[in-house]
């Protein structure tokens, strides 16, 4: 009797599963959509990476010369109202070079110090002056210049709100086409992108370093920065 009851229950369960409406089972109660917003803005500030490279016969001589140049750069920047709060040391490396002797062996050569200084320039109109002042003070490299926007966070908040509205608009169209009503937002994944304008280290900037005695000022075009926000939003369907 117990065996018969088990078989009957299994048969009823199979009937209930097979008798379920496939359309009802597959009908989703949520919708996931992507939303995007972007904007081009004019930068109002910049970051300048300055490098100093010094060679000397003795390590102490190299260190002292690097320190002298770094101090000269800092003094020159004070004339542009750029103080220590806008300066950050990002690298300092001391090593000894080797050269090949006549017998093919390696022998010690010069000591080399290389250092890097990141300068925050809050007034974009001073960027060229900062580069020229650093080079005239003894900087040997301008590694890159990155133009930025001081109010980027405010713009990104606006873009995020616009991206969510973009996603909602898409979801409403799809929901309406399927005879459903769009419900509340259940979750969201956020991704934003800063396409900052960067002038990489290259022949143009290096040539300005090599021609430090030239009276012509450095000219840079900041262009525009493209900011965008991308969201993936899940809404409920009613």
Protein backbone atom coordinates (compact mmCIF):
# COMPACT_ATOMS: atom_id res chain seq x y z
CA UNK A 1 0.00 0.00 0.00
CA UNK A 2 2.84 2.35 0.92
CA UNK A 3 4.49 1.66 -2.45
CA UNK A 4 1.28 2.45 -4.32
CA UNK A 5 0.86 5.73 -2.43
CA UNK A 6 4.42 6.84 -3.34
CA UNK A 7 3.88 6.07 -7.00
CA UNK A 8 0.61 8.00 -6.97
CA UNK A 9 2.22 11.03 -5.33
CA UNK A 10 5.04 11.03 -7.90
CA UNK A 11 2.51 10.86 -10.73
CA UNK A 12 0.54 13.80 -9.32
CA UNK A 13 3.77 15.82 -8.95
CA UNK A 14 4.73 15.13 -12.55
CA UNK A 15 1.26 16.18 -13.66
CA UNK A 16 1.47 19.45 -11.77
CA UNK A 17 4.88 20.30 -13.32
CA UNK A 18 3.87 19.40 -16.85
CA UNK A 19 0.55 21.16 -16.47
CA UNK A 20 2.16 24.49 -15.50
CA UNK A 21 1.67 27.26 -18.07
CA UNK A 22 5.14 27.73 -19.73
CA UNK A 23 4.41 31.42 -20.40
CA UNK A 24 3.68 32.04 -16.71
CA UNK A 25 6.88 30.23 -15.64
CA UNK A 26 9.12 32.15 -18.03
CA UNK A 27 7.58 35.61 -17.50
CA UNK A 28 10.19 37.84 -15.79
CA UNK A 29 9.39 40.13 -12.90
CA UNK A 30 12.46 42.30 -13.34
CA UNK A 31 14.25 44.05 -16.17
CA UNK A 32 17.95 44.94 -16.36
CA UNK A 33 19.09 47.82 -18.56
CA UNK A 34 22.19 49.93 -19.11
CA UNK A 35 22.12 53.71 -18.96
CA UNK A 36 24.81 56.15 -20.07
CA UNK A 37 25.48 59.87 -19.98
CA UNK A 38 28.54 61.81 -21.12
CA UNK A 39 29.78 65.37 -21.28
CA UNK A 40 32.81 67.23 -22.60
CA UNK A 41 34.22 69.87 -20.27
CA UNK A 42 37.03 72.41 -20.44
CA UNK A 43 39.77 71.61 -17.88
CA UNK A 44 40.71 74.26 -15.34
CA UNK A 45 43.75 72.67 -13.65
CA UNK A 46 46.64 70.32 -14.39
CA UNK A 47 49.22 67.96 -12.93
CA UNK A 48 52.80 68.31 -14.13
CA UNK A 49 55.35 65.55 -13.49
CA UNK A 50 58.89 66.94 -13.38
CA UNK A 51 62.03 64.81 -13.40
CA UNK A 52 65.60 65.53 -12.30
CA UNK A 53 68.50 63.33 -13.40
CA UNK A 54 72.05 63.98 -12.18
CA UNK A 55 75.33 62.11 -12.81
CA UNK A 56 78.51 62.50 -10.76
CA UNK A 57 81.69 60.65 -9.89
CA UNK A 58 80.64 60.35 -6.23
CA UNK A 59 77.26 59.50 -4.76
CA UNK A 60 77.35 62.47 -2.40
CA UNK A 61 78.10 64.85 -5.25
CA UNK A 62 75.12 63.52 -7.20
CA UNK A 63 72.88 63.81 -4.14
CA UNK A 64 73.95 67.37 -3.42
CA UNK A 65 73.41 68.50 -7.01
CA UNK A 66 69.94 66.91 -7.16
CA UNK A 67 69.02 68.62 -3.87
CA UNK A 68 70.23 71.97 -5.20
CA UNK A 69 68.16 71.66 -8.40
CA UNK A 70 65.08 70.54 -6.49
CA UNK A 71 65.37 73.56 -4.19
CA UNK A 72 65.76 75.89 -7.17
CA UNK A 73 62.60 74.44 -8.70
CA UNK A 74 60.67 74.95 -5.47
CA UNK A 75 61.87 78.56 -5.22
CA UNK A 76 60.91 79.30 -8.81
CA UNK A 77 57.41 77.92 -8.21
CA UNK A 78 56.88 80.21 -5.23
CA UNK A 79 56.88 83.10 -7.69
CA UNK A 80 53.84 81.44 -9.31
CA UNK A 81 52.07 81.06 -5.95
CA UNK A 82 52.69 77.30 -5.92
CA UNK A 83 53.72 76.19 -2.44
CA UNK A 84 54.64 72.94 -0.75
CA UNK A 85 50.98 71.93 -0.46
CA UNK A 86 50.92 71.60 -4.26
CA UNK A 87 54.12 69.52 -4.48
CA UNK A 88 54.57 65.78 -4.03
CA UNK A 89 57.74 63.73 -4.37
CA UNK A 90 56.84 60.62 -6.34
CA UNK A 91 60.24 59.01 -6.93
CA UNK A 92 63.87 59.03 -5.80
CA UNK A 93 66.47 56.58 -7.04
CA UNK A 94 70.27 56.40 -6.59
CA UNK A 95 72.33 53.84 -8.48
CA UNK A 96 75.74 53.40 -10.06
CA UNK A 97 76.29 52.90 -13.75
CA UNK A 98 78.81 50.40 -15.11
CA UNK A 99 80.82 50.47 -18.29
CA UNK A 100 82.62 47.80 -20.26
CA UNK A 101 86.41 47.67 -19.86
CA UNK A 102 88.85 46.80 -22.62
CA UNK A 103 89.10 43.26 -21.29
CA UNK A 104 85.34 42.87 -21.58
CA UNK A 105 84.64 43.10 -17.87
CA UNK A 106 82.28 45.55 -16.16
CA UNK A 107 83.75 48.37 -14.10
CA UNK A 108 81.99 51.00 -11.95
CA UNK A 109 81.23 54.32 -13.60
CA UNK A 110 79.13 57.36 -12.67
CA UNK A 111 76.61 57.58 -9.83
CA UNK A 112 73.13 58.57 -11.02
CA UNK A 113 70.26 60.08 -9.07
CA UNK A 114 66.82 60.44 -10.60
CA UNK A 115 63.89 62.03 -8.78
CA UNK A 116 60.33 62.99 -9.67
CA UNK A 117 58.12 65.79 -8.45
CA UNK A 118 54.38 66.03 -9.07
CA UNK A 119 53.15 69.62 -9.25
CA UNK A 120 49.46 70.45 -8.85
CA UNK A 121 48.63 73.57 -10.87
CA UNK A 122 45.22 74.90 -9.83
CA UNK A 123 45.28 77.70 -12.42
CA UNK A 124 45.45 76.23 -15.90
CA UNK A 125 46.84 79.49 -17.26
CA UNK A 126 50.04 78.87 -15.28
CA UNK A 127 50.86 75.43 -16.71
CA UNK A 128 53.27 76.67 -19.37
CA UNK A 129 54.95 79.00 -16.88
CA UNK A 130 55.40 76.12 -14.43
CA UNK A 131 57.10 74.01 -17.09
CA UNK A 132 59.38 76.84 -18.17
CA UNK A 133 60.30 77.70 -14.56
CA UNK A 134 61.12 74.07 -13.74
CA UNK A 135 63.27 73.62 -16.83
CA UNK A 136 65.16 76.87 -16.27
CA UNK A 137 65.82 75.75 -12.70
CA UNK A 138 67.47 72.54 -13.86
CA UNK A 139 64.72 69.97 -14.45
CA UNK A 140 65.81 67.44 -17.09
CA UNK A 141 62.48 65.74 -17.82
CA UNK A 142 58.82 66.67 -18.09
CA UNK A 143 57.32 63.19 -17.88
CA UNK A 144 53.72 64.14 -18.61
CA UNK A 145 51.12 66.83 -18.17
CA UNK A 146 47.57 65.83 -17.27
CA UNK A 147 44.78 68.37 -17.56
CA UNK A 148 41.90 67.93 -15.14
CA UNK A 149 38.70 69.47 -13.80
CA UNK A 150 38.58 70.70 -10.21
CA UNK A 151 34.80 70.19 -10.01
CA UNK A 152 34.87 66.72 -11.58
CA UNK A 153 32.94 65.15 -8.68
CA UNK A 154 30.03 67.54 -9.17
CA UNK A 155 29.88 66.82 -12.89
CA UNK A 156 30.06 63.06 -12.29
CA UNK A 157 27.15 63.22 -9.84
CA UNK A 158 25.07 64.98 -12.48
CA UNK A 159 26.10 62.40 -15.07
CA UNK A 160 25.16 59.51 -12.77
CA UNK A 161 21.68 60.98 -12.29
CA UNK A 162 21.34 61.43 -16.06
CA UNK A 163 22.55 57.86 -16.69
CA UNK A 164 19.91 56.46 -14.31
CA UNK A 165 17.20 58.46 -16.09
CA UNK A 166 18.52 57.14 -19.39
CA UNK A 167 18.22 53.58 -18.08
CA UNK A 168 14.72 54.25 -16.72
CA UNK A 169 13.59 55.63 -20.08
CA UNK A 170 14.81 52.50 -21.88
CA UNK A 171 13.16 50.23 -19.31
CA UNK A 172 9.83 52.06 -19.59
CA UNK A 173 9.82 51.58 -23.36
CA UNK A 174 10.48 47.85 -23.06
CA UNK A 175 7.98 47.39 -20.24
CA UNK A 176 5.26 49.24 -22.13
CA UNK A 177 5.92 47.17 -25.26
CA UNK A 178 5.38 44.03 -23.17
CA UNK A 179 2.18 45.34 -21.56
CA UNK A 180 3.87 45.70 -18.19
CA UNK A 181 4.32 48.66 -15.88
CA UNK A 182 7.75 49.66 -14.65
CA UNK A 183 8.20 49.39 -10.91
CA UNK A 184 10.86 50.64 -8.52
CA UNK A 185 14.62 50.37 -8.93
CA UNK A 186 15.93 47.28 -7.16
CA UNK A 187 19.71 47.59 -7.66
CA UNK A 188 22.36 49.42 -9.65
CA UNK A 189 26.01 48.93 -10.62
CA UNK A 190 27.91 52.14 -11.25
CA UNK A 191 30.92 52.75 -13.47
CA UNK A 192 32.31 56.17 -14.40
CA UNK A 193 35.16 57.09 -16.72
CA UNK A 194 37.46 60.08 -16.80
CA UNK A 195 38.99 60.54 -20.23
CA UNK A 196 41.45 63.14 -18.98
CA UNK A 197 43.61 64.96 -21.50
CA UNK A 198 47.21 63.82 -21.09
CA UNK A 199 50.26 65.20 -22.86
CA UNK A 200 52.67 62.28 -22.70
CA UNK A 201 56.43 62.58 -22.47
CA UNK A 202 57.71 62.88 -26.00
CA UNK A 203 59.81 64.78 -28.46
CA UNK A 204 57.87 68.01 -28.07
CA UNK A 205 58.27 68.26 -24.32
CA UNK A 206 61.80 66.90 -24.30
CA UNK A 207 62.82 69.42 -26.93
CA UNK A 208 61.60 72.21 -24.66
CA UNK A 209 63.87 70.85 -21.92
CA UNK A 210 66.85 70.69 -24.26
CA UNK A 211 66.17 74.23 -25.47
CA UNK A 212 65.79 75.79 -22.03
CA UNK A 213 67.70 78.90 -23.09
CA UNK A 214 65.23 79.64 -25.85
CA UNK A 215 63.15 82.72 -25.06
CA UNK A 216 59.97 81.26 -26.56
CA UNK A 217 57.49 80.10 -23.92
CA UNK A 218 56.13 76.54 -23.89
CA UNK A 219 52.72 76.27 -25.54
CA UNK A 220 50.24 73.53 -24.64
CA UNK A 221 46.66 73.02 -25.78
CA UNK A 222 44.52 71.56 -22.95
CA UNK A 223 41.66 70.56 -25.24
CA UNK A 224 38.59 69.09 -23.53
CA UNK A 225 37.97 66.27 -21.07
CA UNK A 226 35.27 63.69 -21.76
CA UNK A 227 33.52 62.43 -18.64
CA UNK A 228 30.91 59.71 -18.72
CA UNK A 229 28.88 57.57 -16.36
CA UNK A 230 27.59 54.07 -17.06
CA UNK A 231 25.04 52.32 -14.85
CA UNK A 232 23.41 48.92 -14.98
CA UNK A 233 20.04 49.13 -13.28
CA UNK A 234 17.51 46.46 -12.34
CA UNK A 235 13.84 47.52 -12.11
CA UNK A 236 10.85 45.54 -10.95
CA UNK A 237 7.98 44.91 -13.36
CA UNK A 238 4.34 45.22 -12.31
